[in-house]
Structure formats: C-alpha cells, structure tokens
N, C-alpha and C. Protein backbone atom coordinates (compact mmCIF):
# COMPACT_ATOMS: atom_id res chain seq x y z
N MET A 1 16.27 15.57 8.67
CA MET A 1 14.70 16.05 9.45
C MET A 1 14.29 16.00 7.84
N LYS A 2 15.01 15.97 6.67
CA LYS A 2 14.31 15.19 5.35
C LYS A 2 14.04 13.92 5.15
N ALA A 3 14.83 13.34 6.74
CA ALA A 3 13.90 11.41 6.53
C ALA A 3 12.61 11.78 7.17
N ILE A 4 12.46 12.90 7.97
CA ILE A 4 10.75 12.79 9.09
C ILE A 4 9.54 13.28 7.52
N TYR A 5 10.25 14.03 7.38
CA TYR A 5 9.36 14.93 5.49
C TYR A 5 8.66 13.53 5.29
N TYR A 6 9.66 12.51 5.04
CA TYR A 6 9.65 11.94 3.80
C TYR A 6 8.00 10.64 4.14
N PHE A 7 8.86 10.62 6.04
CA PHE A 7 7.38 9.19 6.18
C PHE A 7 6.39 10.63 7.29
N PHE A 8 6.22 11.46 7.57
CA PHE A 8 5.51 12.47 8.03
C PHE A 8 4.46 13.28 6.90
N ASN A 9 4.64 12.98 5.10
CA ASN A 9 4.36 14.44 4.05
C ASN A 9 2.41 14.11 4.99
N SER A 10 2.12 15.05 3.74
CA SER A 10 0.84 14.99 4.09
C SER A 10 0.05 14.63 4.16
N LYS A 11 0.03 13.55 2.61
CA LYS A 11 -0.19 11.81 2.31
C LYS A 11 -1.00 11.23 3.14
N THR A 12 0.88 10.67 3.49
CA THR A 12 1.04 9.67 4.89
C THR A 12 0.42 10.52 6.22
N ILE A 13 0.32 11.38 6.68
CA ILE A 13 -0.60 11.81 7.29
C ILE A 13 -1.59 11.17 7.30
N LEU A 14 -3.12 12.13 6.24
CA LEU A 14 -3.64 12.25 6.19
C LEU A 14 -4.64 10.30 5.93
N LEU A 15 -3.28 9.36 5.04
CA LEU A 15 -3.81 8.13 4.78
C LEU A 15 -3.84 7.35 6.47
N PHE A 16 -2.77 7.74 7.39
CA PHE A 16 -2.69 7.03 8.62
C PHE A 16 -4.30 7.64 9.68
N CYS A 17 -4.54 8.92 9.14
CA CYS A 17 -5.58 8.70 9.70
C CYS A 17 -6.65 8.44 9.18
N LEU A 18 -6.95 8.25 8.13
CA LEU A 18 -8.42 7.88 7.54
C LEU A 18 -8.26 6.35 8.72
N VAL A 19 -7.01 5.68 8.04
CA VAL A 19 -6.40 4.13 9.00
C VAL A 19 -7.25 3.97 9.86
N ILE A 20 -6.59 5.33 10.97
CA ILE A 20 -7.08 5.03 13.00
C ILE A 20 -8.80 5.30 12.64
N THR A 21 -9.30 6.10 11.39
CA THR A 21 -10.80 6.64 11.82
C THR A 21 -11.39 5.59 11.32
N THR A 22 -11.27 5.39 10.76
CA THR A 22 -12.08 3.42 9.87
C THR A 22 -11.52 2.40 11.00
N ALA A 23 -9.75 2.01 11.36
CA ALA A 23 -10.06 1.05 12.52
C ALA A 23 -10.43 1.40 13.74
N CYS A 24 -11.28 2.87 13.92
CA CYS A 24 -11.27 2.85 15.22
C CYS A 24 -13.38 2.91 15.57
N GLN A 25 -13.23 3.17 14.23
CA GLN A 25 -15.47 3.26 14.58
C GLN A 25 -15.88 2.84 14.72
N GLN A 26 -16.90 3.54 15.85
CA GLN A 26 -18.10 2.04 16.09
C GLN A 26 -19.36 1.94 15.13
N PRO A 27 -19.71 0.86 15.14
CA PRO A 27 -21.75 0.87 14.79
C PRO A 27 -22.25 1.54 14.42
N LYS A 28 -22.82 1.74 12.99
CA LYS A 28 -23.82 3.25 13.75
C LYS A 28 -24.76 2.66 14.51
N GLU A 29 -25.82 2.79 16.04
CA GLU A 29 -26.92 2.07 15.76
C GLU A 29 -28.18 3.18 14.95
N LYS A 30 -28.52 2.09 15.09
CA LYS A 30 -30.62 2.68 14.20
C LYS A 30 -31.06 3.20 15.30
N THR A 31 -31.47 4.26 14.20
CA THR A 31 -32.26 5.30 14.75
C THR A 31 -33.45 5.20 14.50
N GLU A 32 -35.10 5.00 15.14
CA GLU A 32 -36.53 4.91 15.12
C GLU A 32 -36.40 5.23 13.64
N THR A 33 -36.00 6.34 12.83
CA THR A 33 -36.15 6.51 11.41
C THR A 33 -35.84 5.29 10.42
N GLN A 34 -34.80 4.37 10.85
CA GLN A 34 -34.42 3.62 10.18
C GLN A 34 -35.29 2.24 10.03
N PRO A 35 -35.69 1.84 9.22
CA PRO A 35 -37.16 0.26 8.74
C PRO A 35 -35.57 -0.57 9.82
N GLU A 36 -36.58 -1.76 10.04
CA GLU A 36 -36.24 -2.66 10.00
C GLU A 36 -36.02 -3.85 9.32
N THR A 37 -34.63 -3.77 8.87
CA THR A 37 -34.00 -4.72 7.34
C THR A 37 -33.92 -6.51 7.80
N ALA A 38 -33.17 -5.86 9.27
CA ALA A 38 -32.63 -7.05 9.64
C ALA A 38 -32.85 -8.62 8.93
N SER A 39 -32.16 -9.62 8.58
CA SER A 39 -32.30 -10.64 8.58
C SER A 39 -31.95 -12.33 8.76
N VAL A 40 -33.02 -12.78 9.55
CA VAL A 40 -31.79 -14.03 10.09
C VAL A 40 -30.43 -14.28 9.49
N SER A 41 -30.11 -14.07 7.93
CA SER A 41 -28.87 -14.39 7.36
C SER A 41 -28.53 -13.06 7.71
N GLU A 42 -28.47 -12.13 8.69
CA GLU A 42 -27.75 -11.02 8.47
C GLU A 42 -27.30 -10.45 10.47
N THR A 43 -27.57 -11.84 11.28
CA THR A 43 -27.70 -11.38 12.61
C THR A 43 -25.91 -11.49 12.71
N LYS A 44 -25.24 -11.31 13.58
CA LYS A 44 -24.15 -11.40 14.59
C LYS A 44 -24.02 -12.70 14.42
N PRO A 45 -23.09 -13.26 14.07
CA PRO A 45 -21.80 -14.74 15.12
C PRO A 45 -22.39 -14.27 16.04
N SER A 46 -22.49 -15.64 16.66
CA SER A 46 -22.24 -15.83 18.63
C SER A 46 -20.57 -15.99 18.58
N THR A 47 -20.53 -16.11 19.76
CA THR A 47 -18.73 -16.41 20.28
C THR A 47 -18.66 -17.99 19.62
N LYS A 48 -19.73 -18.33 20.04
CA LYS A 48 -19.32 -19.75 19.98
C LYS A 48 -19.11 -19.99 17.61
N GLU A 49 -20.17 -19.85 17.25
CA GLU A 49 -19.35 -19.86 16.12
C GLU A 49 -18.31 -19.00 15.79
N ILE A 50 -18.28 -17.78 16.27
CA ILE A 50 -16.93 -16.81 15.90
C ILE A 50 -15.41 -17.98 15.94
N LYS A 51 -15.48 -18.52 16.85
CA LYS A 51 -14.46 -19.48 18.14
C LYS A 51 -14.92 -20.63 17.19
N ALA A 52 -15.03 -21.49 16.08
CA ALA A 52 -15.04 -22.40 15.56
C ALA A 52 -14.75 -22.11 14.37
N GLN A 53 -14.69 -21.22 13.91
CA GLN A 53 -14.46 -20.34 12.58
C GLN A 53 -12.74 -20.12 12.64
N LEU A 54 -12.54 -19.22 13.44
CA LEU A 54 -11.11 -19.06 14.42
C LEU A 54 -10.18 -20.41 13.85
N ILE A 55 -11.07 -21.34 14.82
CA ILE A 55 -9.81 -22.80 15.31
C ILE A 55 -9.92 -23.42 13.81
N ASN A 56 -10.93 -23.65 12.89
CA ASN A 56 -10.85 -23.61 11.50
C ASN A 56 -10.22 -23.04 10.87
N GLU A 57 -10.14 -22.09 10.95
CA GLU A 57 -8.69 -21.63 10.36
C GLU A 57 -7.83 -21.22 10.17
N GLY A 58 -7.49 -21.61 11.73
CA GLY A 58 -6.16 -22.12 12.50
C GLY A 58 -5.63 -20.84 13.24
N TYR A 59 -6.03 -20.50 13.92
CA TYR A 59 -5.61 -19.00 15.02
C TYR A 59 -5.70 -19.63 15.97
N GLN A 60 -4.93 -19.08 16.26
CA GLN A 60 -4.43 -19.60 18.06
C GLN A 60 -5.93 -18.63 19.40
N ILE A 61 -6.11 -19.14 19.86
CA ILE A 61 -7.49 -18.60 20.45
C ILE A 61 -7.19 -19.00 21.84
N PHE A 62 -8.16 -18.47 23.02
CA PHE A 62 -8.91 -18.49 23.97
C PHE A 62 -9.97 -17.94 24.40
N ASP A 63 -10.87 -18.04 25.11
CA ASP A 63 -11.88 -17.55 25.87
C ASP A 63 -11.72 -17.69 27.28
N PHE A 64 -12.55 -15.83 28.05
CA PHE A 64 -13.46 -16.44 29.40
C PHE A 64 -13.86 -15.72 29.65
N PRO A 65 -14.49 -15.87 31.04
CA PRO A 65 -16.13 -15.02 31.05
C PRO A 65 -15.58 -14.26 32.07
N ASP A 66 -16.51 -12.89 31.26
CA ASP A 66 -16.25 -11.73 31.80
C ASP A 66 -17.18 -11.64 33.04
N LYS A 67 -16.39 -11.35 34.11
CA LYS A 67 -16.99 -11.12 35.59
C LYS A 67 -18.20 -10.38 35.71
N LYS A 68 -18.67 -9.23 34.78
CA LYS A 68 -18.97 -8.30 35.45
C LYS A 68 -20.21 -8.64 34.03
N THR A 69 -20.01 -8.93 33.44
CA THR A 69 -21.77 -9.26 32.24
C THR A 69 -22.11 -10.70 32.10
N GLY A 70 -20.93 -11.27 31.54
CA GLY A 70 -21.74 -12.92 31.87
C GLY A 70 -20.90 -13.13 30.68
N ASP A 71 -20.78 -12.24 29.50
CA ASP A 71 -20.24 -12.72 28.30
C ASP A 71 -19.13 -13.08 27.88
N THR A 72 -19.43 -13.89 27.27
CA THR A 72 -17.57 -14.30 27.42
C THR A 72 -16.32 -14.13 25.91
N ILE A 73 -15.39 -13.84 26.73
CA ILE A 73 -14.59 -12.82 25.59
C ILE A 73 -13.66 -13.53 25.28
N LEU A 74 -13.42 -13.74 24.07
CA LEU A 74 -12.87 -13.92 22.60
C LEU A 74 -11.24 -13.45 22.74
N MET A 75 -10.77 -14.25 23.25
CA MET A 75 -9.10 -13.28 22.88
C MET A 75 -8.24 -13.72 20.99
N GLN A 76 -7.48 -13.52 20.41
CA GLN A 76 -7.45 -13.75 19.14
C GLN A 76 -5.73 -13.65 19.44
N GLN A 77 -5.09 -14.55 18.82
CA GLN A 77 -3.20 -13.91 18.85
C GLN A 77 -3.29 -13.19 17.38
N TYR A 78 -2.70 -12.08 17.58
CA TYR A 78 -2.57 -11.22 15.83
C TYR A 78 -1.30 -11.19 16.47
N TYR A 79 -0.66 -10.32 15.06
CA TYR A 79 0.75 -10.60 14.65
C TYR A 79 1.03 -8.78 14.58
N ILE A 80 2.21 -7.85 15.59
CA ILE A 80 2.91 -6.93 14.98
C ILE A 80 4.08 -6.96 14.23
N ALA A 81 4.51 -6.39 13.53
CA ALA A 81 5.50 -6.36 13.55
C ALA A 81 6.00 -4.47 13.08
N PHE A 82 6.40 -4.89 13.68
CA PHE A 82 6.88 -3.41 14.10
C PHE A 82 8.72 -3.00 12.75
N LEU A 83 8.06 -2.43 12.40
CA LEU A 83 8.81 -1.20 10.93
C LEU A 83 9.98 -0.35 11.31
N LYS A 84 10.88 -1.08 11.06
CA LYS A 84 12.45 -0.24 11.60
C LYS A 84 13.16 0.09 10.50
N LYS A 85 14.11 0.96 10.86
CA LYS A 85 14.60 1.59 10.29
C LYS A 85 16.00 0.28 9.71
N GLY A 86 16.09 0.01 8.87
CA GLY A 86 16.58 -0.84 8.12
C GLY A 86 18.06 0.19 7.08
N PRO A 87 18.59 -0.63 6.59
CA PRO A 87 20.42 -0.56 6.29
C PRO A 87 20.12 0.30 5.45
N ASN A 88 19.57 -0.04 4.66
CA ASN A 88 19.61 1.42 2.80
C ASN A 88 18.47 2.47 2.97
N ARG A 89 18.91 3.52 3.17
CA ARG A 89 17.77 4.88 3.42
C ARG A 89 18.60 5.96 2.48
N SER A 90 20.21 5.40 1.66
CA SER A 90 20.08 6.90 0.57
C SER A 90 19.95 6.90 -0.48
N GLN A 91 18.33 6.95 -0.92
CA GLN A 91 17.98 6.65 -1.82
C GLN A 91 18.21 9.04 -1.83
N ASN A 92 17.26 8.40 -2.42
CA ASN A 92 17.70 10.27 -3.37
C ASN A 92 15.37 10.64 -3.25
N GLU A 93 15.84 11.77 -2.67
CA GLU A 93 14.40 12.33 -2.28
C GLU A 93 13.05 11.98 -3.35
N GLU A 94 13.31 11.89 -5.08
CA GLU A 94 11.92 10.94 -5.50
C GLU A 94 12.71 9.21 -5.58
N GLU A 95 13.46 8.88 -5.36
CA GLU A 95 13.72 7.71 -4.82
C GLU A 95 12.09 7.10 -3.63
N ALA A 96 12.82 8.22 -2.66
CA ALA A 96 12.16 7.76 -1.25
C ALA A 96 10.57 8.25 -1.26
N GLN A 97 10.35 9.07 -2.03
CA GLN A 97 8.40 9.69 -1.93
C GLN A 97 8.39 8.35 -3.06
N LYS A 98 8.78 7.68 -4.22
CA LYS A 98 7.85 6.73 -4.77
C LYS A 98 7.64 5.33 -4.47
N LEU A 99 8.74 4.79 -3.04
CA LEU A 99 8.68 4.07 -2.22
C LEU A 99 8.03 4.51 -1.29
N GLN A 100 8.08 6.10 -0.42
CA GLN A 100 6.90 5.94 0.18
C GLN A 100 5.30 5.70 -0.06
N LYS A 101 5.01 5.98 -1.82
CA LYS A 101 3.53 6.34 -1.78
C LYS A 101 3.10 4.57 -1.85
N MET A 102 4.09 3.40 -2.64
CA MET A 102 3.85 2.25 -2.57
C MET A 102 3.77 1.57 -1.29
N HIS A 103 4.16 1.98 -0.57
CA HIS A 103 4.44 1.44 0.05
C HIS A 103 3.41 2.00 1.41
N LEU A 104 2.23 3.08 1.02
CA LEU A 104 1.85 3.39 1.92
C LEU A 104 0.48 2.46 0.84
N GLU A 105 0.49 2.24 -0.10
CA GLU A 105 -0.65 1.43 -1.37
C GLU A 105 -0.62 0.18 -0.87
N HIS A 106 1.00 -0.23 -0.38
CA HIS A 106 1.03 -2.25 0.20
C HIS A 106 0.18 -2.00 1.40
N LEU A 107 0.25 -1.25 2.63
CA LEU A 107 0.16 -1.53 3.73
C LEU A 107 -2.45 -1.17 3.52
N GLY A 108 -2.76 -0.35 2.50
CA GLY A 108 -4.20 -0.78 2.15
C GLY A 108 -4.56 -1.81 1.64
N ARG A 109 -3.35 -2.18 0.47
CA ARG A 109 -4.23 -3.49 0.60
C ARG A 109 -4.24 -4.60 1.26
N MET A 110 -3.93 -4.07 2.37
CA MET A 110 -3.47 -5.34 3.62
C MET A 110 -4.23 -4.67 3.92
N TYR A 111 -5.07 -3.56 4.35
CA TYR A 111 -5.83 -3.78 5.56
C TYR A 111 -7.02 -3.96 4.49
N GLU A 112 -7.41 -3.65 2.75
CA GLU A 112 -8.80 -3.94 2.40
C GLU A 112 -8.47 -5.69 1.94
N GLU A 113 -7.59 -6.17 2.12
CA GLU A 113 -8.11 -7.85 2.08
C GLU A 113 -8.34 -8.49 3.03
N GLY A 114 -8.34 -8.01 3.93
CA GLY A 114 -8.06 -8.08 5.80
C GLY A 114 -7.15 -8.48 6.74
N TYR A 115 -5.96 -9.03 6.26
CA TYR A 115 -4.59 -9.23 6.94
C TYR A 115 -4.41 -8.69 7.16
N ALA A 116 -4.58 -6.83 7.88
CA ALA A 116 -4.12 -5.97 8.72
C ALA A 116 -5.14 -5.37 9.01
N ASP A 117 -5.09 -5.22 10.64
CA ASP A 117 -6.15 -4.41 10.84
C ASP A 117 -6.15 -2.95 11.33
N ILE A 118 -5.18 -2.21 11.61
CA ILE A 118 -4.27 -1.14 11.73
C ILE A 118 -2.50 -0.41 11.41
N SER A 119 -2.54 0.24 11.24
CA SER A 119 -1.03 1.12 11.00
C SER A 119 -0.83 1.93 11.44
N GLY A 120 0.14 2.62 11.17
CA GLY A 120 0.04 3.44 11.43
C GLY A 120 2.10 4.06 11.81
N PRO A 121 2.62 4.77 11.79
CA PRO A 121 3.59 5.59 12.23
C PRO A 121 4.19 6.16 13.83
N PHE A 122 5.63 6.14 13.98
CA PHE A 122 5.71 6.67 15.01
C PHE A 122 5.54 7.61 15.36
N GLY A 123 5.29 8.82 15.73
CA GLY A 123 6.12 10.13 16.41
C GLY A 123 6.79 10.84 16.42
N ASP A 124 8.10 10.14 16.04
CA ASP A 124 9.57 10.09 16.81
C ASP A 124 10.18 9.83 15.66
N ASP A 125 12.00 9.70 15.64
CA ASP A 125 12.77 9.91 14.85
C ASP A 125 12.83 9.05 15.33
N GLY A 126 12.25 7.74 16.00
CA GLY A 126 13.28 6.63 16.66
C GLY A 126 13.50 5.32 15.32
N GLU A 127 14.81 4.80 15.99
CA GLU A 127 14.45 2.86 15.02
C GLU A 127 13.48 2.80 15.08
N ILE A 128 12.32 2.25 15.86
CA ILE A 128 10.99 1.50 14.89
C ILE A 128 10.38 3.21 14.31
N ARG A 129 9.59 2.43 13.45
CA ARG A 129 9.17 3.95 12.57
C ARG A 129 7.74 3.36 12.82
N GLY A 130 7.30 2.57 12.64
CA GLY A 130 5.82 2.33 13.38
C GLY A 130 5.62 1.49 13.24
N ILE A 131 3.90 0.71 13.38
CA ILE A 131 3.23 -0.97 13.19
C ILE A 131 2.41 -1.11 12.33
N THR A 132 2.30 -2.51 12.28
CA THR A 132 1.15 -2.87 11.52
C THR A 132 0.65 -4.11 12.65
N ILE A 133 -0.32 -3.94 12.47
CA ILE A 133 -1.32 -5.94 13.62
C ILE A 133 -1.63 -6.49 12.23
N TYR A 134 -1.29 -6.94 12.12
CA TYR A 134 -1.40 -8.24 11.07
C TYR A 134 -2.44 -9.65 12.28
N ASN A 135 -3.61 -9.69 10.85
CA ASN A 135 -4.81 -10.86 11.75
C ASN A 135 -4.12 -11.88 11.28
N THR A 136 -3.14 -12.46 11.33
CA THR A 136 -3.35 -14.17 10.21
C THR A 136 -3.12 -14.97 11.08
N PRO A 137 -3.34 -15.84 11.10
CA PRO A 137 -2.88 -16.84 11.91
C PRO A 137 -1.74 -17.68 11.86
N THR A 138 -1.02 -17.04 11.37
CA THR A 138 0.50 -17.75 11.75
C THR A 138 1.68 -16.41 11.54
N LYS A 139 2.15 -16.22 12.51
CA LYS A 139 3.55 -15.89 12.08
C LYS A 139 4.13 -15.83 10.76
N LYS A 140 4.54 -16.98 10.40
CA LYS A 140 5.20 -16.87 8.61
C LYS A 140 4.37 -16.44 7.80
N MET A 141 3.42 -16.01 8.20
CA MET A 141 1.67 -15.73 7.00
C MET A 141 2.49 -14.27 7.38
N ALA A 142 2.21 -13.61 8.59
CA ALA A 142 2.10 -12.16 8.22
C ALA A 142 3.50 -11.91 8.27
N ASP A 143 4.56 -12.21 8.78
CA ASP A 143 6.06 -12.03 8.12
C ASP A 143 5.91 -12.30 6.97
N SER A 144 5.67 -12.90 6.26
CA SER A 144 5.52 -13.25 4.44
C SER A 144 4.37 -11.86 3.89
N LEU A 145 3.92 -11.27 4.36
CA LEU A 145 2.90 -10.22 4.27
C LEU A 145 4.09 -8.50 4.30
N ALA A 146 4.44 -9.03 5.35
CA ALA A 146 5.04 -7.59 5.83
C ALA A 146 6.35 -7.47 4.99
N ASN A 147 7.07 -9.18 4.41
CA ASN A 147 8.12 -8.82 3.79
C ASN A 147 7.82 -8.12 2.36
N LEU A 148 6.69 -8.08 2.03
CA LEU A 148 6.48 -7.83 0.75
C LEU A 148 6.45 -6.28 0.93
N ASP A 149 6.27 -5.38 1.86
CA ASP A 149 6.00 -3.98 1.78
C ASP A 149 7.48 -4.02 1.07
N PRO A 150 7.48 -2.58 -0.62
CA PRO A 150 8.44 -1.96 -1.10
C PRO A 150 9.45 -1.27 -0.34
N MET A 151 9.05 -0.64 0.88
CA MET A 151 10.07 -0.01 1.95
C MET A 151 11.62 -1.34 2.63
N VAL A 152 10.58 -2.63 2.88
CA VAL A 152 10.86 -3.76 3.23
C VAL A 152 12.16 -3.64 2.25
N LYS A 153 11.84 -4.63 1.15
CA LYS A 153 11.79 -4.90 -0.08
C LYS A 153 13.19 -3.96 -1.30
N ALA A 154 13.12 -2.58 -0.93
CA ALA A 154 14.08 -1.69 -1.16
C ALA A 154 15.40 -2.06 0.04
N GLY A 155 15.26 -2.19 1.54
CA GLY A 155 16.35 -2.13 2.38
C GLY A 155 15.89 -0.70 3.86
N ARG A 156 14.66 -0.18 3.13
CA ARG A 156 14.68 1.07 3.78
C ARG A 156 14.36 1.05 5.57
N LEU A 157 13.97 -0.19 5.35
CA LEU A 157 12.93 -0.54 6.23
C LEU A 157 13.09 -1.96 6.82
N VAL A 158 13.25 -2.51 8.36
CA VAL A 158 13.27 -3.78 8.40
C VAL A 158 11.81 -3.96 8.93
N ILE A 159 11.59 -6.01 8.85
CA ILE A 159 10.61 -5.72 10.47
C ILE A 159 10.84 -6.76 11.64
N GLU A 160 9.97 -6.55 12.27
CA GLU A 160 10.01 -7.53 13.46
C GLU A 160 9.27 -7.44 13.59
N ILE A 161 8.88 -8.54 14.19
CA ILE A 161 7.21 -9.44 14.27
C ILE A 161 7.08 -9.89 15.89
N HIS A 162 5.84 -9.66 16.33
CA HIS A 162 5.79 -10.46 17.96
C HIS A 162 4.32 -10.55 17.77
N PRO A 163 4.00 -11.81 18.58
CA PRO A 163 2.48 -12.22 18.93
C PRO A 163 1.56 -11.34 19.50
N TRP A 164 0.46 -10.89 19.64
CA TRP A 164 -0.13 -9.61 20.49
C TRP A 164 -1.59 -10.58 20.76
N TRP A 165 -2.12 -10.28 21.89
CA TRP A 165 -3.08 -10.86 22.34
C TRP A 165 -4.15 -9.91 22.80
N ALA A 166 -5.36 -9.85 21.60
CA ALA A 166 -6.25 -9.36 21.69
C ALA A 166 -7.50 -10.35 21.58
N ALA A 167 -8.61 -9.10 22.24
CA ALA A 167 -10.82 -9.37 22.14
C ALA A 167 -10.29 -9.57 21.14
N LYS A 168 -11.32 -10.51 20.76
CA LYS A 168 -11.43 -9.93 18.94
C LYS A 168 -13.00 -9.29 19.20
N GLY A 169 -12.68 -7.92 18.07
CA GLY A 169 -14.16 -7.64 18.00
C GLY A 169 -13.96 -6.56 19.10
N HIS A 170 -13.19 -6.11 19.76
CA HIS A 170 -13.58 -5.12 20.88
C HIS A 170 -12.47 -4.10 20.01
N PRO A 171 -13.03 -2.86 20.30
CA PRO A 171 -12.59 -0.98 19.56
C PRO A 171 -11.60 -0.73 20.35
N LEU A 172 -10.65 0.23 19.75
CA LEU A 172 -9.54 0.53 21.29
C LEU A 172 -10.56 1.91 21.59
N ARG A 173 -10.32 1.81 22.67
CA ARG A 173 -11.02 2.78 23.51
C ARG A 173 -9.24 4.56 23.22
C-alpha cells in the first residue's frame, strides 16, 4: 500500500491533472469583444506545410482524405513509453519521495521542451505504472529521453517503448 502512496501522492495527482488539462485544452475561440490582431505571420500553417516540416525533421507520417469534410488528415508516428515496475523498489520512504519529485520534474521538462505530449500514471497497482507519449522522430530518441528519468536510472521503473500513430493536432476527446 505504501507503493501506491509514493506514486499517487497529492502532488502527483495535481501534476497529472495539470498535464492532462493542459494537453487537452481546446484553443479559446475569439469573441466579438476581442480585436482582430492576426497577421499573416500568425496564421495557422497548412497541412502541406506541417507535412513538409515533419518530413524534414525525420518524422514518419502519412495522410488520407477525410470523406466527411474533404480535409486531409495527417497521421504522425509517436512513441508510447510504458513505465513498468523495475527491479529496484527497495528505497526507503525518503529516497522514494525524492525520486518521485525528480521523476515529475523530468516529465515536466519533457513536456515543456516539446518531447512529451502527455504523461500519467495508471489507476491500479499493476506492473505498468504509467505512460508517456513522446513526440520524437525516432524510437531511439524517445528511448534515450525516457531513460533519463531518475526513477529509471534508480531501477524503480523500466521502460518499454512502442510506436503509436495518431492524427496530428487532434485533441483527446
């Protein structure tokens, strides 16, 4: 039961909620009272421009037409890192709390730097403790970033990474 506390203390839950809320927010719609300030440089890039940029940066992509809207759906390959129970879970309470704090800082940094789009723990006490979805062009890069996690370095967690496809720019529903 103590292991659950370490993983799901109030700070963890607060950070998880903050990351999920931020990742899932829809852009605010302009109201009539907001002035028209968009310039040509602030316009949203086209699908063609996004596709060219992703290809240039080495991402795996494909696209297809949406039959309902006629829009082009751009699919991008991401990498899901499953954070699994590691072989070294014998840390004392103080060390486990310290590792948890550094773990959350690492995940926050990955999100801020644009490498991770969403992270969070699972709600059971199973072997898989949580996930992080990495927005990187290669599995090697995602694996390298995931293995920088202090919990992984300490052996409390191990990483298992799988490629995952999702529509670029579509929010969770």
